[in-house]
Protein backbone atom coordinates (compact mmCIF):
# COMPACT_ATOMS: atom_id res chain seq x y z
CA UNK A 1 -19.18 4.11 25.38
CA UNK A 2 -20.20 0.83 23.78
CA UNK A 3 -18.12 -1.24 21.38
CA UNK A 4 -19.89 -2.23 18.16
CA UNK A 5 -18.83 -5.07 15.88
CA UNK A 6 -19.64 -5.04 12.16
CA UNK A 7 -18.03 -5.70 8.80
CA UNK A 8 -17.92 -3.36 5.83
CA UNK A 9 -17.80 -4.78 2.30
CA UNK A 10 -15.80 -2.32 0.22
CA UNK A 11 -15.40 -2.07 -3.56
CA UNK A 12 -11.71 -1.59 -4.32
CA UNK A 13 -8.60 -3.70 -4.01
CA UNK A 14 -6.44 -3.40 -0.92
CA UNK A 15 -2.81 -2.40 -1.36
CA UNK A 16 -0.11 -1.59 1.20
CA UNK A 17 -0.53 2.12 0.43
CA UNK A 18 -4.30 1.95 0.90
CA UNK A 19 -3.90 -0.02 4.12
CA UNK A 20 -1.64 2.74 5.48
CA UNK A 21 -4.16 5.37 4.30
CA UNK A 22 -7.00 3.51 6.08
CA UNK A 23 -5.01 3.48 9.30
CA UNK A 24 -4.31 7.21 8.95
CA UNK A 25 -8.01 7.83 8.23
CA UNK A 26 -8.94 6.38 11.63
CA UNK A 27 -9.49 2.71 10.85
CA UNK A 28 -7.02 1.49 13.47
CA UNK A 29 -9.90 -0.46 15.05
CA UNK A 30 -10.36 -2.71 12.01
CA UNK A 31 -8.79 -5.72 10.39
CA UNK A 32 -8.82 -5.77 6.59
CA UNK A 33 -8.79 -8.61 4.11
CA UNK A 34 -9.33 -8.78 0.39
CA UNK A 35 -10.77 -11.11 -2.21
CA UNK A 36 -10.41 -9.99 -5.79
CA UNK A 37 -11.71 -6.45 -6.15
CA UNK A 38 -13.49 -6.51 -2.78
CA UNK A 39 -12.03 -5.52 0.56
CA UNK A 40 -13.57 -6.42 3.90
CA UNK A 41 -13.12 -4.31 7.01
CA UNK A 42 -13.92 -6.09 10.28
CA UNK A 43 -14.53 -3.30 12.84
CA UNK A 44 -14.73 -3.18 16.63
CA UNK A 45 -15.59 0.52 16.95
CA UNK A 46 -16.46 2.45 20.10
CA UNK A 47 -19.33 4.91 19.77
CA UNK A 48 -22.42 5.93 21.74
CA UNK A 49 -24.76 4.28 19.21
CA UNK A 50 -24.38 1.63 16.51
CA UNK A 51 -25.39 4.11 13.80
CA UNK A 52 -22.57 6.47 14.88
CA UNK A 53 -20.02 3.66 14.74
CA UNK A 54 -21.05 2.46 11.28
CA UNK A 55 -21.37 5.92 9.71
CA UNK A 56 -17.99 7.04 11.08
CA UNK A 57 -16.36 3.86 9.73
CA UNK A 58 -17.95 4.38 6.30
CA UNK A 59 -16.76 8.00 6.25
CA UNK A 60 -13.23 6.97 7.19
CA UNK A 61 -13.04 4.19 4.59
CA UNK A 62 -14.44 6.34 1.82
CA UNK A 63 -12.00 9.14 2.59
CA UNK A 64 -9.40 6.83 1.00
CA UNK A 65 -9.45 7.29 -2.77
CA UNK A 66 -10.73 4.30 -4.73
CA UNK A 67 -12.89 2.79 -1.99
CA UNK A 68 -16.69 2.64 -1.92
CA UNK A 69 -18.57 0.89 0.90
CA UNK A 70 -21.28 -1.25 -0.64
CA UNK A 71 -22.63 -3.25 2.32
CA UNK A 72 -22.60 -3.63 6.10
CA UNK A 73 -22.74 -7.05 7.77
CA UNK A 74 -24.12 -8.83 9.66
CA UNK A 75 -26.88 -8.99 7.14
CA UNK A 76 -30.60 -9.19 7.82
CA UNK A 77 -30.88 -12.57 6.08
CA UNK A 78 -29.29 -15.44 8.02
CA UNK A 79 -28.80 -19.19 7.70
CA UNK A 80 -29.47 -21.53 10.62
CA UNK A 81 -25.72 -21.68 11.34
CA UNK A 82 -25.63 -17.86 11.61
CA UNK A 83 -28.64 -17.97 13.96
CA UNK A 84 -26.73 -20.43 16.13
CA UNK A 85 -23.66 -18.20 16.17
CA UNK A 86 -25.60 -15.02 16.97
CA UNK A 87 -27.58 -16.67 19.78
CA UNK A 88 -24.68 -18.60 21.29
CA UNK A 89 -26.31 -21.96 20.58
CA UNK A 90 -25.15 -25.03 18.74
CA UNK A 91 -26.61 -25.71 15.31
CA UNK A 92 -28.53 -28.79 16.52
CA UNK A 93 -30.34 -26.71 19.13
CA UNK A 94 -31.40 -24.17 16.52
CA UNK A 95 -32.56 -26.94 14.16
CA UNK A 96 -34.75 -28.37 16.92
CA UNK A 97 -36.26 -24.94 17.61
CA UNK A 98 -36.92 -24.43 13.89
CA UNK A 99 -38.68 -27.81 13.61
CA UNK A 100 -40.68 -27.18 16.81
CA UNK A 101 -39.08 -30.13 18.64
CA UNK A 102 -38.01 -27.74 21.41
CA UNK A 103 -39.23 -24.42 22.68
CA UNK A 104 -42.70 -22.93 22.37
CA UNK A 105 -43.03 -23.54 18.63
CA UNK A 106 -43.98 -20.91 16.10
CA UNK A 107 -40.43 -20.28 14.88
CA UNK A 108 -40.55 -17.73 12.04
CA UNK A 109 -40.97 -19.10 8.55
CA UNK A 110 -37.97 -18.82 6.25
CA UNK A 111 -37.92 -15.64 4.19
CA UNK A 112 -36.04 -17.10 1.27
CA UNK A 113 -35.47 -20.54 -0.25
CA UNK A 114 -33.21 -19.60 -3.19
CA UNK A 115 -30.32 -21.69 -1.90
CA UNK A 116 -30.17 -25.26 -0.65
CA UNK A 117 -30.39 -23.88 2.87
CA UNK A 118 -33.26 -21.55 3.75
CA UNK A 119 -32.68 -18.00 4.95
CA UNK A 120 -34.52 -16.25 7.78
CA UNK A 121 -34.94 -12.55 8.55
CA UNK A 122 -32.81 -11.84 11.60
CA UNK A 123 -35.29 -9.25 12.92
CA UNK A 124 -38.04 -11.92 13.05
CA UNK A 125 -35.73 -14.53 14.58
CA UNK A 126 -34.42 -12.05 17.18
CA UNK A 127 -37.99 -11.09 18.15
CA UNK A 128 -38.91 -14.78 18.49
CA UNK A 129 -35.88 -15.47 20.72
CA UNK A 130 -36.70 -12.41 22.83
CA UNK A 131 -40.23 -13.74 23.48
CA UNK A 132 -38.86 -17.25 24.12
CA UNK A 133 -36.25 -15.94 26.57
CA UNK A 134 -38.58 -13.39 28.20
CA UNK A 135 -36.63 -10.26 27.26
CA UNK A 136 -36.95 -7.20 25.05
CA UNK A 137 -35.82 -7.70 21.43
CA UNK A 138 -32.74 -5.85 20.18
CA UNK A 139 -34.49 -4.22 17.25
CA UNK A 140 -31.97 -1.38 16.91
CA UNK A 141 -29.32 -3.46 15.17
CA UNK A 142 -31.65 -4.78 12.47
CA UNK A 143 -33.23 -1.39 11.86
CA UNK A 144 -29.90 0.49 11.75
CA UNK A 145 -28.11 -2.00 9.50
CA UNK A 146 -31.15 -2.43 7.25
CA UNK A 147 -31.49 1.33 6.85
CA UNK A 148 -27.80 1.86 6.17
CA UNK A 149 -27.67 -1.02 3.68
CA UNK A 150 -30.73 0.36 1.88
CA UNK A 151 -29.12 3.79 1.67
CA UNK A 152 -25.83 2.31 0.42
CA UNK A 153 -27.66 0.32 -2.25
CA UNK A 154 -29.64 3.40 -3.38
CA UNK A 155 -26.48 5.52 -3.42
CA UNK A 156 -24.68 2.91 -5.50
CA UNK A 157 -27.58 2.83 -7.98
CA UNK A 158 -27.50 6.62 -8.27
CA UNK A 159 -23.73 6.74 -8.77
CA UNK A 160 -23.63 4.02 -11.40
CA UNK A 161 -26.86 4.57 -13.31
CA UNK A 162 -27.34 7.06 -16.10
CA UNK A 163 -31.00 6.28 -16.82
CA UNK A 164 -33.53 8.10 -14.66
CA UNK A 165 -30.96 9.68 -12.37
CA UNK A 166 -32.96 12.84 -11.62
CA UNK A 167 -36.35 11.12 -10.99
CA UNK A 168 -34.65 8.44 -8.90
CA UNK A 169 -32.80 11.04 -6.82
CA UNK A 170 -36.07 12.95 -6.26
CA UNK A 171 -37.91 9.75 -5.29
CA UNK A 172 -35.17 8.78 -2.81
CA UNK A 173 -35.25 12.22 -1.19
CA UNK A 174 -39.01 11.96 -0.86
CA UNK A 175 -38.78 8.50 0.72
CA UNK A 176 -36.10 9.54 3.17
CA UNK A 177 -38.00 12.68 4.20
CA UNK A 178 -41.18 10.71 5.04
């Protein structure tokens, strides 16, 4: 069985009682921290597939009253420093690949420029590195985490929205079924 690493962002403040409840719920493979009203669960969970690991962790966390999982990291959008970390390279090496000063060129264009530092889509970067290194891309992680994050975002919108709840629920069911 493989070990999968991921972080859950959880709405709800962490207390000693909730920490004990998380442990009892099966989160003994996670380290928790908190910042304001958000709690972060850093998991190293064994499961046959990544999707099984993430879904079981979400179920365990949400079995504790007052917690709602709102996001799974690592996210699809990454900075150059995150690319370096995920690929085991130093930041300078990644910068040279981005600028075309090393490697075959054609590094993916940034997906977002809203911050001072551009953001790339990890799925595009991972595919580029796979071609560059002559291996198959690990598309499962991006697809699984993207799908779960989309479902969490839609679920949150349904839970916290009063306008259009029935049409939105019907539309989501239709999208998921396709």
